[in-house]
Protein backbone atom coordinates (compact mmCIF):
# COMPACT_ATOMS: atom_id res chain seq x y z
CA MET A 1 -16.59 -12.53 14.20
CA GLN A 2 -20.36 -12.14 13.98
CA HIS A 3 -20.30 -8.82 15.82
CA VAL A 4 -17.77 -7.46 13.30
CA ARG A 5 -20.04 -8.54 10.44
CA THR A 6 -22.86 -6.68 12.13
CA TRP A 7 -20.77 -3.51 12.40
CA ILE A 8 -19.97 -3.75 8.70
CA THR A 9 -23.57 -4.46 7.74
CA ASN A 10 -24.77 -1.42 9.68
CA ALA A 11 -21.94 0.88 8.58
CA ARG A 12 -22.47 3.75 6.17
CA ARG A 13 -18.87 4.94 5.81
CA ILE A 14 -16.19 2.25 6.00
CA VAL A 15 -12.61 3.43 5.66
CA VAL A 16 -9.89 0.87 4.98
CA LEU A 17 -6.15 1.19 5.51
CA THR A 18 -4.03 -1.49 3.84
CA GLY A 19 -0.36 -2.34 4.12
CA ALA A 20 1.96 -4.92 2.64
CA GLY A 21 0.26 -7.78 4.49
CA ILE A 22 -2.74 -7.80 2.16
CA SER A 23 -0.47 -8.45 -0.83
CA THR A 24 1.69 -11.24 0.56
CA ASP A 25 -0.78 -13.87 -0.65
CA SER A 26 -0.35 -12.37 -4.12
CA GLY A 27 3.37 -13.14 -3.97
CA ILE A 28 4.63 -9.72 -2.88
CA PRO A 29 6.70 -10.00 0.33
CA ASP A 30 6.28 -7.45 3.08
CA PHE A 31 9.18 -5.47 4.53
CA ARG A 32 9.19 -5.87 8.31
CA GLY A 33 7.60 -9.30 8.77
CA PRO A 34 9.54 -12.47 9.62
CA GLN A 35 10.10 -13.11 5.90
CA GLY A 36 10.20 -9.43 4.98
CA VAL A 37 12.53 -7.95 2.38
CA TRP A 38 14.38 -5.82 4.92
CA THR A 39 14.32 -8.47 7.61
CA LYS A 40 16.13 -10.93 5.34
CA ASP A 41 18.43 -8.36 3.72
CA PRO A 42 18.86 -5.12 5.70
CA LYS A 43 21.12 -3.70 2.98
CA ALA A 44 18.16 -3.73 0.57
CA GLU A 45 16.71 -0.81 2.51
CA ARG A 46 19.43 1.44 1.03
CA LEU A 47 17.77 1.07 -2.38
CA SER A 48 14.65 2.72 -0.93
CA ASP A 49 16.51 5.68 0.59
CA ILE A 50 16.52 8.82 -1.55
CA ARG A 51 19.76 10.06 0.04
CA TYR A 52 21.73 7.12 -1.32
CA TYR A 53 19.75 6.96 -4.56
CA VAL A 54 20.52 10.53 -5.63
CA VAL A 55 24.26 10.54 -4.92
CA ASP A 56 25.31 6.97 -5.75
CA PRO A 57 25.01 5.69 -9.35
CA GLU A 58 25.69 2.15 -8.10
CA VAL A 59 22.64 2.29 -5.85
CA ARG A 60 20.55 3.46 -8.81
CA ARG A 61 21.91 0.66 -11.00
CA LEU A 62 21.03 -1.92 -8.35
CA ALA A 63 17.62 -0.31 -7.88
CA TRP A 64 16.85 -0.60 -11.59
CA GLN A 65 17.91 -4.26 -11.58
CA SER A 66 15.64 -4.80 -8.60
CA ARG A 67 12.74 -3.16 -10.44
CA LEU A 68 13.21 -5.55 -13.36
CA GLU A 69 12.48 -8.43 -10.99
CA HIS A 70 9.80 -6.72 -8.89
CA PRO A 71 7.14 -9.27 -7.88
CA ALA A 72 4.37 -6.77 -8.72
CA TRP A 73 4.76 -7.59 -12.43
CA GLN A 74 3.52 -11.17 -11.90
CA ALA A 75 1.21 -10.48 -8.94
CA ARG A 76 -2.56 -10.73 -9.20
CA PRO A 77 -5.20 -9.61 -6.70
CA ASN A 78 -6.16 -12.18 -4.09
CA ASP A 79 -9.43 -12.74 -2.23
CA GLY A 80 -8.53 -10.07 0.29
CA HIS A 81 -8.38 -7.45 -2.47
CA ARG A 82 -11.56 -8.79 -4.05
CA ALA A 83 -13.44 -8.63 -0.76
CA LEU A 84 -12.79 -4.89 -0.65
CA VAL A 85 -14.21 -4.58 -4.16
CA GLU A 86 -17.39 -6.22 -2.91
CA LEU A 87 -17.46 -3.72 -0.06
CA GLU A 88 -17.39 -0.90 -2.61
CA LYS A 89 -20.13 -2.54 -4.68
CA ARG A 90 -22.35 -2.45 -1.61
CA GLY A 91 -21.85 1.31 -1.43
CA LYS A 92 -20.17 1.13 1.97
CA LEU A 93 -16.54 1.87 1.08
CA HIS A 94 -15.92 5.53 1.87
CA ALA A 95 -12.20 5.43 1.06
CA LEU A 96 -9.32 2.97 0.72
CA ILE A 97 -6.04 4.30 2.06
CA THR A 98 -3.10 2.14 1.00
CA GLN A 99 0.57 2.12 1.86
CA ASN A 100 1.13 -0.30 -1.01
CA ILE A 101 2.67 0.63 -4.35
CA ASP A 102 1.45 -2.38 -6.36
CA GLU A 103 -1.95 -1.05 -7.61
CA LEU A 104 -3.54 -4.43 -6.87
CA HIS A 105 -6.59 -2.68 -5.43
CA GLN A 106 -7.27 -1.00 -8.76
CA MET A 107 -6.51 -4.22 -10.64
CA ALA A 108 -9.05 -6.03 -8.46
CA GLY A 109 -11.71 -3.49 -9.36
CA ASN A 110 -11.72 -0.74 -6.73
CA SER A 111 -12.39 2.69 -8.22
CA PRO A 112 -9.19 4.76 -8.56
CA GLU A 113 -10.96 7.73 -6.99
CA LYS A 114 -11.59 5.66 -3.85
CA VAL A 115 -7.93 4.64 -3.50
CA ILE A 116 -5.54 6.97 -1.68
CA GLU A 117 -1.96 5.90 -2.47
CA VAL A 118 0.15 7.44 0.27
CA HIS A 119 3.43 5.96 -0.99
CA GLY A 120 2.83 6.29 -4.73
CA THR A 121 3.00 3.55 -7.35
CA VAL A 122 5.75 1.35 -8.75
CA ARG A 123 3.93 1.18 -12.08
CA LYS A 124 4.96 4.73 -12.98
CA VAL A 125 8.34 6.41 -13.27
CA THR A 126 9.14 10.04 -12.54
CA CYS A 127 12.03 12.45 -13.04
CA LEU A 128 13.45 13.97 -9.86
CA ASN A 129 14.49 17.07 -11.80
CA CYS A 130 11.65 18.11 -14.12
CA GLY A 131 8.76 16.04 -12.76
CA TRP A 132 8.13 14.10 -15.98
CA ARG A 133 6.05 10.94 -15.43
CA GLY A 134 5.73 7.90 -17.63
CA ASP A 135 5.00 4.18 -17.73
CA MET A 136 7.46 2.08 -15.76
CA GLN A 137 7.52 -0.74 -18.32
CA GLU A 138 8.75 1.61 -21.03
CA THR A 139 11.71 2.64 -18.88
CA LEU A 140 12.41 -0.95 -17.87
CA ALA A 141 12.64 -1.77 -21.58
CA ARG A 142 15.52 0.72 -21.76
CA VAL A 143 17.23 -1.04 -18.84
CA ARG A 144 16.87 -4.39 -20.59
CA ALA A 145 18.34 -2.82 -23.71
CA GLY A 146 21.50 -1.89 -21.81
CA GLU A 147 20.88 1.43 -20.02
CA ALA A 148 21.97 0.63 -16.46
CA ASP A 149 20.79 3.98 -15.08
CA PRO A 150 18.47 5.51 -17.71
CA PRO A 151 18.27 9.32 -17.57
CA CYS A 152 15.17 11.39 -18.23
CA ARG A 153 14.80 11.93 -21.97
CA ALA A 154 13.17 15.30 -21.35
CA CYS A 155 15.91 16.90 -19.25
CA GLY A 156 18.62 14.33 -18.50
CA GLY A 157 17.66 14.15 -14.84
CA ILE A 158 17.55 11.13 -12.52
CA LEU A 159 14.60 8.78 -12.96
CA LYS A 160 13.04 6.65 -10.22
CA SER A 161 9.81 4.85 -9.57
CA ALA A 162 6.92 7.17 -8.69
CA THR A 163 7.03 5.95 -5.09
CA ILE A 164 7.86 7.77 -1.87
CA SER A 165 11.30 6.66 -0.74
CA PHE A 166 12.80 7.12 2.70
CA GLY A 167 13.97 10.72 2.94
CA GLN A 168 11.36 11.96 0.47
CA ALA A 169 8.51 14.18 1.59
CA LEU A 170 5.03 12.73 1.53
CA VAL A 171 2.50 14.61 -0.60
CA PRO A 172 0.63 16.89 1.84
CA GLU A 173 -2.64 16.79 -0.10
CA VAL A 174 -2.63 12.99 -0.07
CA ILE A 175 -1.88 12.74 3.64
CA ASN A 176 -4.46 15.40 4.51
CA ARG A 177 -7.10 13.52 2.54
CA ALA A 178 -6.24 10.24 4.29
CA LEU A 179 -6.48 11.83 7.74
CA HIS A 180 -9.70 13.60 6.80
CA VAL A 181 -11.52 10.47 5.62
CA ALA A 182 -10.33 8.54 8.68
CA GLY A 183 -12.19 11.04 10.83
CA GLU A 184 -15.38 10.41 8.84
CA ALA A 185 -15.44 6.61 9.28
CA ASP A 186 -17.98 4.72 11.33
CA VAL A 187 -15.96 1.52 10.81
CA PHE A 188 -12.21 1.57 10.23
CA LEU A 189 -10.39 -1.55 8.98
CA ALA A 190 -6.58 -1.64 9.31
CA ILE A 191 -5.41 -4.55 7.18
CA GLY A 192 -1.90 -5.98 6.86
CA THR A 193 -0.07 -2.97 8.24
CA SER A 194 2.38 -2.80 11.14
CA LEU A 195 1.04 0.67 12.02
CA GLN A 196 4.60 1.85 12.64
CA VAL A 197 4.83 4.40 9.82
CA TYR A 198 3.59 7.88 10.61
CA PRO A 199 1.62 10.00 10.00
CA ILE A 200 -0.58 7.33 8.37
CA ALA A 201 -0.59 5.22 11.54
CA ASP A 202 -2.35 8.18 13.16
CA THR A 203 -5.47 7.35 11.13
CA VAL A 204 -6.32 4.55 13.58
CA PRO A 205 -6.50 6.60 16.81
CA LEU A 206 -8.04 9.45 14.81
CA ALA A 207 -10.87 7.20 13.61
CA ARG A 208 -11.29 5.74 17.09
CA SER A 209 -11.54 9.16 18.72
CA ALA A 210 -14.16 10.15 16.13
CA GLY A 211 -16.33 7.23 17.23
CA ALA A 212 -15.48 4.57 14.64
CA ARG A 213 -15.29 0.87 15.39
CA VAL A 214 -11.68 -0.16 14.74
CA VAL A 215 -10.85 -3.62 13.40
CA ILE A 216 -7.22 -4.69 12.91
CA LEU A 217 -6.16 -7.62 10.73
CA ASN A 218 -2.43 -8.26 10.94
CA ALA A 219 -0.19 -11.28 11.42
CA VAL A 220 1.73 -9.73 14.32
CA PRO A 221 0.78 -7.31 17.11
CA THR A 222 0.60 -3.59 16.33
CA PRO A 223 0.90 -0.53 18.58
CA CYS A 224 -2.84 0.11 18.06
CA ASP A 225 -4.16 -3.30 19.11
CA GLU A 226 -5.06 -2.02 22.57
CA ILE A 227 -7.48 0.58 21.19
CA ALA A 228 -9.04 -1.73 18.61
CA ASP A 229 -12.54 -3.15 19.00
CA ALA A 230 -11.47 -6.41 17.32
CA VAL A 231 -8.14 -7.93 16.28
CA PHE A 232 -7.56 -10.87 13.91
CA ARG A 233 -4.30 -12.70 13.22
CA ASP A 234 -5.61 -15.05 10.49
CA PRO A 235 -4.33 -14.97 6.89
CA ILE A 236 -5.94 -11.90 5.35
CA SER A 237 -7.08 -13.45 2.07
CA LYS A 238 -9.05 -16.01 4.09
CA ILE A 239 -10.40 -14.00 7.02
CA LEU A 240 -11.28 -10.71 5.28
CA PRO A 241 -13.98 -12.20 2.99
CA GLN A 242 -15.45 -13.93 6.06
CA ILE A 243 -15.50 -10.71 8.08
CA ILE A 244 -17.07 -8.75 5.25
CA GLY A 245 -19.50 -11.60 4.65
CA VAL A 246 -18.93 -12.27 0.97
CA ARG A 247 -18.59 -15.51 -0.94
CA LEU A 248 -16.10 -15.07 -3.72
CA GLU A 249 -16.21 -17.23 -6.83
CA PHE A 250 -13.62 -16.51 -9.47
């Protein structure tokens, strides 16, 4: 571990990629892990598929009920999130790419301009027809009031969370920025991600080929472990502060 601390101490541009694994200690389950949402209930994946969502009102109704109970509403940042805030305070965090939709990085204190949300955010809602965006809680209030599948008040179109569902195109500008900053890293931390979703998984070999030290923190093996300079399997909220070398007191 000491050599990883040394890499971080000497780094000038650290780029971090986070996945669902960093938020599990905040009470948000991952998707593909042993206790993952889709592992335990494969049918739940249909709610995250735009093809079913657009054509099937029942899928949308179930999706809105699921959003009412989303664990993000009660979740709070854990020590893993806070360790990355400390990294930014040191002036070493070049960018924070996240596959998560919970905004816990921003809640912990990372600057929004540092965070690259490749899959959007569950805390906003958007219209698939006119592009209107609004606060998710305001739309959830309509669901609680009896609207099972609330339409857009601007145009009557279909509303959904401002997240990227299966079958939806990623935002090219966001992906291009993520790939660009990965190539600028001198240390690249991949935290709590299975590295099975592309093109974001490409950031790891891209950073490695550009000369960065690659450190992977994940509970299970990933396809990129063999090119990593260090791999850790420990719980992220415990090991990440140790690796970064911060003592958190909250």
